[in-house]
Amino acid sequence: MKYSVITFGCRVNQADSLAIEGSLRARGAIGSSPDDADLVIVNTCSVTATADQGARQTIRRIARNNPDVRIVVTGCYATRRAGEVRDLPNVTHVVSNELKDDLLTVIEATLPSEDSTAARYGDGEGPCGALVPGVAGRTAFTMRVQTGCEEQCSYCIIPTTRGHSRSRPLRDITRQIADAVAAGYKEIAVTGVHLGSYGRDLADGTTLTTLVRCLAEWDGDVLFRISSLEPMDCTRDIVDLVAASPRLAPHFHLPLQHGADGVLQRMRRPYTAASYRQLVERIRTTIPHASIGSDVIVGFPGETTVEFDDTERLLRDLPLTHLHVFPYSDRPGTLATAMGGKVEGATIRDRGQRVRAIGQEMSLRFRQSQAGTVRRALTVDDGLSAVTDNYLKVRLGQRYPRNQWIDAPID
């Protein structure tokens, strides 16, 4: 059977899709393009209306180009609007996030096999299934350690699509790491929907710091890259562990979302612009070469010119290295949808462009600060590129085998 997996959205979705691919390959399925596949799995996002629209367009295009294909849709959009997704062409199954880990069991009847038992994630060949570096175009292994979220940010629909916070036991995580390393992976991205809440539901004293300390002490030449952390969850202990251990990438992603305290309060974000500044400056002082990225939302309901100016001013002052900029998008079912003072689309677009320009300046400034240094990097793609431990992509003067550690000069 030929399959294709298409992924929208966050690193958690990327980890979920990688697990699905491992299960399919363990069963003997062969990766293919969507236009030539027997089965296409679309793992959707629903963080914005644009994400929903992108999933619909993709599904329609696949069905148009491959009329006999079976399409299985999962992820946040499929969870939030199951009926709407089910009506799209060639969709045979809509699998909610709650059932995503058992997706192959759910869709078993559609698979062309006499075997009544679908290969499942983790069965037989370990959590990596038949995955090796390079499958799905990924050199690093993306590992989900937690899903769900108990926070109630006023703009976010994800708690309703991912459910309550659920953590994987530490022993399961270490087993998966060992399997991934045995399969040849040299970098592992650790991710979760609300990573900072890791362990709170396990009732055994495990915390995110426990997990990070375990990674810092891992015996083996593997690099762990910690995914997005909410500012209030990035503690001094975690920063110190990253600073001290060669196993942990000097790379942080800390969503700011806005630089004005009034907007942060309306967003129901539990920190202030000042505390965020202190966190970023502490990281920069402790780990001068660290990459520090952030997310910013422009055009949140009620955002005034003064509040946007506060954000611009803060961003220009912060020693960040890159930005992801999101125009505000109403999500039915969130508190922000009912808020007044909606910002006009033209204003949102203008503010987005201005913040993106600041992000470009940040990236250039950081790269210039690293010029003349040599960083450890993992070769990717065609072997002519590599990604450094502090998240710089570099072009190489010669071709190396993919998935090889090198010392890369930064220019």
Protein backbone atom coordinates (compact mmCIF):
# COMPACT_ATOMS: atom_id res chain seq x y z
CA MET A 1 0.00 0.00 0.00
CA LYS A 2 1.24 3.47 -0.90
CA TYR A 3 0.60 6.25 1.59
CA SER A 4 1.19 9.95 2.10
CA VAL A 5 0.97 12.00 5.31
CA ILE A 6 0.37 15.75 5.06
CA THR A 7 0.89 17.85 8.17
CA PHE A 8 -0.34 21.32 9.07
CA GLY A 9 0.57 23.35 12.13
CA CYS A 10 2.72 22.88 15.17
CA ARG A 11 5.54 20.58 16.17
CA VAL A 12 3.11 18.45 18.15
CA ASN A 13 1.33 17.66 14.90
CA GLN A 14 4.70 16.93 13.30
CA ALA A 15 5.46 14.46 16.09
CA ASP A 16 2.04 12.83 15.71
CA SER A 17 2.50 12.51 11.95
CA LEU A 18 5.93 10.95 12.39
CA ALA A 19 4.40 8.37 14.72
CA ILE A 20 1.72 7.57 12.13
CA GLU A 21 4.39 7.18 9.44
CA GLY A 22 6.33 4.81 11.69
CA SER A 23 3.22 2.67 12.16
CA LEU A 24 2.49 2.57 8.43
CA ARG A 25 6.06 1.68 7.53
CA ALA A 26 6.18 -1.03 10.19
CA ARG A 27 3.16 -2.51 8.44
CA GLY A 28 4.98 -2.50 5.10
CA ALA A 29 3.39 0.58 3.54
CA ILE A 30 5.48 2.64 1.13
CA GLY A 31 5.73 6.43 1.17
CA SER A 32 4.43 8.14 -1.95
CA SER A 33 3.21 11.46 -3.28
CA PRO A 34 -0.44 12.32 -2.55
CA ASP A 35 -1.26 12.08 -6.26
CA ASP A 36 -0.09 8.46 -6.38
CA ALA A 37 -1.09 7.21 -2.93
CA ASP A 38 -3.78 4.70 -1.98
CA LEU A 39 -4.19 6.35 1.41
CA VAL A 40 -3.57 10.00 2.39
CA ILE A 41 -3.66 11.09 6.01
CA VAL A 42 -4.14 14.83 6.54
CA ASN A 43 -3.17 16.02 10.03
CA THR A 44 -4.86 19.40 10.40
CA CYS A 45 -4.39 22.56 12.42
CA SER A 46 -7.13 24.96 13.54
CA VAL A 47 -5.24 27.79 15.19
CA THR A 48 -6.62 30.25 12.62
CA ALA A 49 -9.35 30.36 9.98
CA THR A 50 -6.57 30.34 7.39
CA ALA A 51 -5.38 26.98 8.73
CA ASP A 52 -8.88 25.52 8.33
CA GLN A 53 -9.11 26.87 4.80
CA GLY A 54 -5.69 25.46 3.90
CA ALA A 55 -6.74 21.99 5.00
CA ARG A 56 -9.96 22.12 2.97
CA GLN A 57 -8.15 23.30 -0.14
CA THR A 58 -5.53 20.58 0.22
CA ILE A 59 -8.12 17.82 0.62
CA ARG A 60 -10.07 19.01 -2.42
CA ARG A 61 -6.89 19.20 -4.51
CA ILE A 62 -5.83 15.67 -3.51
CA ALA A 63 -9.26 14.27 -4.40
CA ARG A 64 -9.27 16.10 -7.71
CA ASN A 65 -5.82 14.83 -8.70
CA ASN A 66 -6.27 11.31 -7.31
CA PRO A 67 -9.97 10.36 -7.60
CA ASP A 68 -9.54 6.84 -6.13
CA VAL A 69 -7.61 7.87 -3.03
CA ARG A 70 -8.92 7.29 0.51
CA ILE A 71 -8.40 10.37 2.68
CA VAL A 72 -8.28 10.16 6.47
CA VAL A 73 -8.38 13.48 8.32
CA THR A 74 -7.23 14.01 11.90
CA GLY A 75 -5.90 16.87 14.02
CA CYS A 76 -7.46 19.99 15.51
CA TYR A 77 -9.67 21.06 12.59
CA ALA A 78 -10.99 17.50 12.27
CA THR A 79 -11.73 17.49 16.00
CA ARG A 80 -13.42 20.89 16.01
CA ARG A 81 -15.47 20.54 12.79
CA ALA A 82 -15.84 16.82 12.18
CA GLY A 83 -19.07 17.09 10.18
CA GLU A 84 -17.68 19.82 7.95
CA VAL A 85 -14.56 17.74 7.25
CA ARG A 86 -16.54 14.54 6.64
CA ASP A 87 -18.41 16.25 3.79
CA LEU A 88 -15.19 16.93 1.86
CA PRO A 89 -14.48 14.71 -1.18
CA ASN A 90 -12.91 11.27 -0.68
CA VAL A 91 -12.80 11.58 3.11
CA THR A 92 -13.45 8.11 4.50
CA HIS A 93 -12.64 8.72 8.17
CA VAL A 94 -12.41 11.70 10.51
CA VAL A 95 -10.31 10.80 13.56
CA SER A 96 -10.30 13.12 16.57
CA ASN A 97 -7.15 14.05 18.47
CA GLU A 98 -8.35 11.85 21.31
CA LEU A 99 -8.16 8.79 19.04
CA LYS A 100 -5.15 9.85 16.98
CA ASP A 101 -2.71 7.50 18.72
CA ASP A 102 -4.93 4.60 17.62
CA LEU A 103 -5.59 5.98 14.15
CA LEU A 104 -4.63 2.82 12.26
CA THR A 105 -6.94 0.71 14.39
CA VAL A 106 -9.77 3.14 13.74
CA ILE A 107 -9.27 3.05 9.97
CA GLU A 108 -8.27 -0.62 9.68
CA ALA A 109 -11.27 -1.53 7.57
CA THR A 110 -10.03 0.77 4.79
CA LEU A 111 -6.58 -0.79 4.55
CA PRO A 112 -6.05 -3.31 1.73
CA SER A 113 -4.76 -6.17 3.85
CA GLU A 114 -5.98 -9.59 4.90
CA ASP A 115 -4.35 -9.06 8.26
CA SER A 116 -7.05 -8.12 10.76
CA THR A 117 -4.59 -6.44 13.10
CA ALA A 118 -3.23 -3.09 12.01
CA ALA A 119 0.32 -2.28 13.07
CA ARG A 120 0.07 0.24 15.86
CA TYR A 121 2.42 2.93 17.10
CA GLY A 122 4.85 1.28 19.49
CA ASP A 123 3.98 -2.33 18.68
CA GLY A 124 6.62 -4.76 17.51
CA GLU A 125 9.40 -2.44 16.46
CA GLY A 126 9.39 0.15 19.23
CA PRO A 127 8.05 3.69 19.19
CA CYS A 128 10.10 4.61 16.12
CA GLY A 129 8.40 1.91 14.06
CA ALA A 130 10.38 1.70 10.81
CA LEU A 131 11.56 5.31 10.93
CA VAL A 132 15.11 6.39 10.15
CA PRO A 133 16.60 9.88 9.68
CA GLY A 134 15.33 11.39 6.44
CA VAL A 135 11.87 9.83 6.45
CA ALA A 136 9.27 12.54 5.80
CA GLY A 137 12.16 14.85 4.95
CA ARG A 138 13.16 15.15 8.61
CA THR A 139 16.67 14.57 9.90
CA ALA A 140 15.72 15.22 13.53
CA PHE A 141 13.21 13.09 15.43
CA THR A 142 10.24 15.01 16.86
CA MET A 143 8.98 13.48 20.11
CA ARG A 144 5.73 14.43 21.85
CA VAL A 145 5.94 14.11 25.63
CA GLN A 146 2.67 15.84 26.49
CA THR A 147 -0.59 16.92 24.91
CA GLY A 148 -3.59 18.99 25.96
CA CYS A 149 -3.76 22.30 27.79
CA GLU A 150 -5.44 23.58 30.97
CA GLU A 151 -4.71 27.27 30.24
CA GLN A 152 -7.52 29.55 29.08
CA CYS A 153 -5.93 32.12 26.80
CA SER A 154 -8.82 34.15 25.46
CA TYR A 155 -7.86 33.81 21.78
CA CYS A 156 -7.01 30.10 21.71
CA ILE A 157 -9.25 27.23 20.62
CA ILE A 158 -6.67 24.51 21.25
CA PRO A 159 -7.80 23.50 24.79
CA THR A 160 -11.12 22.44 23.25
CA THR A 161 -9.46 20.45 20.44
CA ARG A 162 -6.65 18.84 22.46
CA GLY A 163 -8.43 18.32 25.77
CA HIS A 164 -6.94 18.35 29.24
CA SER A 165 -3.21 18.07 29.83
CA ARG A 166 -1.81 14.53 29.61
CA SER A 167 1.84 13.61 30.11
CA ARG A 168 3.71 10.51 29.03
CA PRO A 169 5.51 8.69 31.86
CA LEU A 170 9.24 9.37 31.98
CA ARG A 171 10.07 5.68 31.48
CA ASP A 172 8.14 5.67 28.19
CA ILE A 173 9.98 8.76 27.03
CA THR A 174 13.41 7.35 27.84
CA ARG A 175 12.51 4.14 26.05
CA GLN A 176 11.51 6.11 22.96
CA ILE A 177 14.72 8.14 23.09
CA ALA A 178 16.77 4.94 23.23
CA ASP A 179 14.87 3.55 20.22
CA ALA A 180 15.30 6.79 18.26
CA VAL A 181 19.04 6.85 18.94
CA ALA A 182 19.31 3.19 17.94
CA ALA A 183 17.52 4.05 14.68
CA GLY A 184 20.24 6.60 13.92
CA TYR A 185 18.70 9.89 15.08
CA LYS A 186 21.22 12.37 16.47
CA GLU A 187 18.86 15.23 17.29
CA ILE A 188 15.52 14.95 19.08
CA ALA A 189 13.03 17.82 19.32
CA VAL A 190 10.99 17.55 22.53
CA THR A 191 7.52 19.00 22.18
CA GLY A 192 4.09 19.31 23.78
CA VAL A 193 0.93 21.41 23.51
CA HIS A 194 1.73 22.99 26.90
CA LEU A 195 5.19 21.61 27.56
CA GLY A 196 5.55 23.49 30.83
CA SER A 197 2.73 21.46 32.37
CA TYR A 198 4.60 18.20 31.79
CA GLY A 199 4.27 15.86 34.75
CA ARG A 200 1.58 17.73 36.68
CA ASP A 201 -0.96 14.99 35.95
CA LEU A 202 1.37 12.06 36.74
CA ALA A 203 1.08 12.45 40.54
CA ASP A 204 4.60 11.08 41.11
CA GLY A 205 6.52 14.33 41.55
CA THR A 206 7.75 14.44 37.94
CA THR A 207 8.04 17.94 36.48
CA LEU A 208 9.40 19.50 33.31
CA THR A 209 12.63 20.18 35.22
CA THR A 210 12.84 16.45 36.03
CA LEU A 211 12.54 15.65 32.33
CA VAL A 212 15.06 18.30 31.23
CA ARG A 213 17.56 17.12 33.86
CA CYS A 214 17.17 13.57 32.53
CA LEU A 215 17.91 14.80 29.01
CA ALA A 216 20.87 16.87 30.22
CA GLU A 217 22.41 13.75 31.76
CA TRP A 218 21.71 11.44 28.81
CA ASP A 219 24.63 9.11 28.10
CA GLY A 220 25.18 9.38 24.37
CA ASP A 221 25.98 11.81 21.59
CA VAL A 222 22.50 13.17 20.97
CA LEU A 223 21.20 16.75 21.04
CA PHE A 224 17.82 17.56 22.58
CA ARG A 225 16.05 20.68 21.32
CA ILE A 226 13.33 21.89 23.72
CA SER A 227 10.27 23.17 21.89
CA SER A 228 8.11 26.17 22.74
CA LEU A 229 7.94 27.08 26.43
CA GLU A 230 5.51 29.56 27.96
CA PRO A 231 7.45 32.36 29.68
CA MET A 232 6.15 31.45 33.14
CA ASP A 233 7.38 27.86 32.66
CA CYS A 234 10.95 28.71 31.65
CA THR A 235 12.48 28.62 35.12
CA ARG A 236 15.98 29.53 36.25
CA ASP A 237 16.69 25.81 36.77
CA ILE A 238 15.86 25.03 33.13
CA VAL A 239 18.00 27.90 31.84
CA ASP A 240 20.91 26.72 34.02
CA LEU A 241 20.55 23.14 32.79
CA VAL A 242 20.64 24.29 29.15
CA ALA A 243 23.70 26.43 29.91
CA ALA A 244 25.59 23.56 31.54
CA SER A 245 24.81 20.55 29.34
CA PRO A 246 26.10 19.80 25.83
CA ARG A 247 23.08 17.51 25.41
CA LEU A 248 20.68 20.49 25.41
CA ALA A 249 20.53 22.89 22.46
CA PRO A 250 21.04 26.57 23.37
CA HIS A 251 17.72 27.37 21.76
CA PHE A 252 14.56 28.74 23.38
CA HIS A 253 11.18 29.62 21.92
CA LEU A 254 9.21 31.82 24.32
CA PRO A 255 5.87 33.18 23.02
CA LEU A 256 5.44 36.82 24.05
CA GLN A 257 2.17 37.39 22.12
CA HIS A 258 2.09 41.08 22.99
CA GLY A 259 4.21 43.83 24.51
CA ALA A 260 1.46 45.79 26.29
CA ASP A 261 0.28 44.63 29.70
CA GLY A 262 -3.32 45.64 29.00
CA VAL A 263 -3.47 43.37 25.96
CA LEU A 264 -1.72 40.53 27.85
CA GLN A 265 -4.44 40.80 30.49
CA ARG A 266 -7.20 40.66 27.87
CA MET A 267 -5.42 37.68 26.34
CA ARG A 268 -5.34 36.07 29.81
CA ARG A 269 -1.59 35.61 29.63
CA PRO A 270 -0.16 35.17 33.18
CA TYR A 271 2.95 37.40 32.96
CA THR A 272 3.88 40.99 32.22
CA ALA A 273 6.02 42.61 29.55
CA ALA A 274 8.57 43.45 32.26
CA SER A 275 8.84 39.85 33.49
CA TYR A 276 9.24 38.66 29.90
CA ARG A 277 12.04 41.17 29.36
CA GLN A 278 13.79 39.96 32.52
CA LEU A 279 13.57 36.33 31.36
CA VAL A 280 15.02 37.01 27.91
CA GLU A 281 17.81 39.20 29.31
CA ARG A 282 18.68 36.52 31.89
CA ILE A 283 18.96 33.90 29.16
CA ARG A 284 21.08 36.20 27.01
CA THR A 285 23.40 36.91 29.96
CA THR A 286 23.66 33.24 30.95
CA ILE A 287 23.99 31.86 27.40
CA PRO A 288 25.22 34.67 25.11
CA HIS A 289 25.10 32.51 21.97
CA ALA A 290 21.55 31.17 22.57
CA SER A 291 18.83 31.45 19.94
CA ILE A 292 15.67 32.96 21.45
CA GLY A 293 12.57 33.04 19.27
CA SER A 294 9.10 34.35 20.02
CA ASP A 295 5.50 34.61 18.79
CA VAL A 296 3.58 37.87 18.49
CA ILE A 297 -0.11 38.45 17.72
CA VAL A 298 -1.04 41.74 16.03
CA GLY A 299 -4.54 43.21 15.87
CA PHE A 300 -5.96 41.63 19.03
CA PRO A 301 -9.41 43.09 19.83
CA GLY A 302 -9.07 46.52 21.36
CA GLU A 303 -5.39 46.89 20.43
CA THR A 304 -4.77 50.63 20.37
CA THR A 305 -2.05 52.51 18.55
CA VAL A 306 -0.34 53.11 21.90
CA GLU A 307 -0.45 49.39 22.77
CA PHE A 308 0.96 48.42 19.40
CA ASP A 309 3.69 51.04 19.81
CA ASP A 310 4.53 49.46 23.19
CA THR A 311 4.98 46.13 21.43
CA GLU A 312 7.20 47.60 18.71
CA ARG A 313 9.33 49.36 21.30
CA LEU A 314 9.72 46.25 23.45
CA LEU A 315 10.62 44.06 20.49
CA ARG A 316 13.28 46.50 19.30
CA ASP A 317 14.84 46.43 22.79
CA LEU A 318 14.76 42.67 23.34
CA PRO A 319 17.76 40.48 22.39
CA LEU A 320 15.56 38.02 20.50
CA THR A 321 16.76 36.21 17.38
CA HIS A 322 13.61 35.58 15.35
CA LEU A 323 9.84 36.10 15.38
CA HIS A 324 6.69 34.34 14.23
CA VAL A 325 4.00 36.94 13.57
CA PHE A 326 0.29 36.05 13.63
CA PRO A 327 -2.51 38.39 12.53
CA TYR A 328 -5.35 38.02 15.01
CA SER A 329 -8.09 35.68 13.75
CA ASP A 330 -11.46 35.15 15.42
CA ARG A 331 -12.00 31.59 16.62
CA PRO A 332 -15.68 30.88 17.41
CA GLY A 333 -15.89 29.48 20.93
CA THR A 334 -13.13 31.65 22.38
CA LEU A 335 -13.61 34.59 24.72
CA ALA A 336 -11.86 36.97 22.33
CA THR A 337 -14.50 36.42 19.65
CA ALA A 338 -17.06 38.28 21.77
CA MET A 339 -14.75 41.18 22.59
CA GLY A 340 -15.43 44.58 21.12
CA GLY A 341 -12.99 46.91 19.46
CA LYS A 342 -12.10 44.67 16.52
CA VAL A 343 -9.15 46.05 14.57
CA GLU A 344 -9.62 46.70 10.84
CA GLY A 345 -7.99 44.23 8.46
CA ALA A 346 -5.84 46.86 6.75
CA THR A 347 -4.47 47.98 10.11
CA ILE A 348 -3.72 44.39 11.11
CA ARG A 349 -1.84 43.80 7.85
CA ASP A 350 0.19 46.98 8.28
CA ARG A 351 1.11 46.12 11.86
CA GLY A 352 2.03 42.59 10.84
CA GLN A 353 4.42 43.90 8.19
CA ARG A 354 6.05 46.24 10.68
CA VAL A 355 6.63 43.48 13.21
CA ARG A 356 7.93 41.10 10.54
CA ALA A 357 10.45 43.76 9.55
CA ILE A 358 11.64 43.87 13.16
CA GLY A 359 11.95 40.08 13.11
CA GLN A 360 14.14 40.27 10.00
CA GLU A 361 16.36 42.80 11.73
CA MET A 362 16.63 40.46 14.75
CA SER A 363 17.66 37.50 12.61
CA LEU A 364 20.31 39.54 10.79
CA ARG A 365 21.66 40.99 14.03
CA PHE A 366 21.96 37.54 15.63
CA ARG A 367 23.67 36.00 12.62
CA GLN A 368 26.13 38.90 12.50
CA SER A 369 26.85 38.40 16.20
CA GLN A 370 27.81 34.78 15.48
CA ALA A 371 29.98 35.55 12.43
CA GLY A 372 33.50 34.21 12.82
CA THR A 373 32.48 31.52 15.30
CA VAL A 374 32.36 27.77 14.75
CA ARG A 375 29.24 25.94 15.94
CA ARG A 376 28.41 22.28 16.14
CA ALA A 377 25.84 21.49 13.46
CA LEU A 378 23.91 18.56 12.02
CA THR A 379 23.89 18.13 8.26
CA VAL A 380 20.44 18.07 6.66
CA ASP A 381 18.70 17.90 3.28
CA ASP A 382 21.24 17.44 0.47
CA GLY A 383 24.30 17.42 2.74
CA LEU A 384 25.21 20.94 1.65
CA SER A 385 23.27 22.50 4.55
CA ALA A 386 23.45 22.12 8.30
CA VAL A 387 21.57 23.41 11.35
CA THR A 388 23.66 24.57 14.28
CA ASP A 389 22.92 23.84 17.91
CA ASN A 390 21.78 27.45 18.27
CA TYR A 391 19.42 27.15 15.30
CA LEU A 392 21.29 28.83 12.48
CA LYS A 393 21.01 27.26 9.04
CA VAL A 394 24.30 27.36 7.17
CA ARG A 395 25.38 26.48 3.64
CA LEU A 396 28.49 24.33 3.49
CA GLY A 397 31.42 24.55 1.14
CA GLN A 398 31.42 20.81 0.53
CA ARG A 399 28.91 17.99 0.57
CA TYR A 400 28.68 15.80 3.66
CA PRO A 401 26.55 12.73 4.35
CA ARG A 402 23.16 13.66 5.75
CA ASN A 403 22.74 13.36 9.54
CA GLN A 404 26.39 13.94 10.42
CA TRP A 405 27.81 16.18 13.14
CA ILE A 406 30.27 18.75 11.86
CA ASP A 407 31.95 21.93 13.09
CA ALA A 408 30.38 24.63 10.92
CA PRO A 409 31.97 28.07 10.45
CA ILE A 410 29.46 30.91 10.64
CA ASP A 411 29.92 33.76 8.17
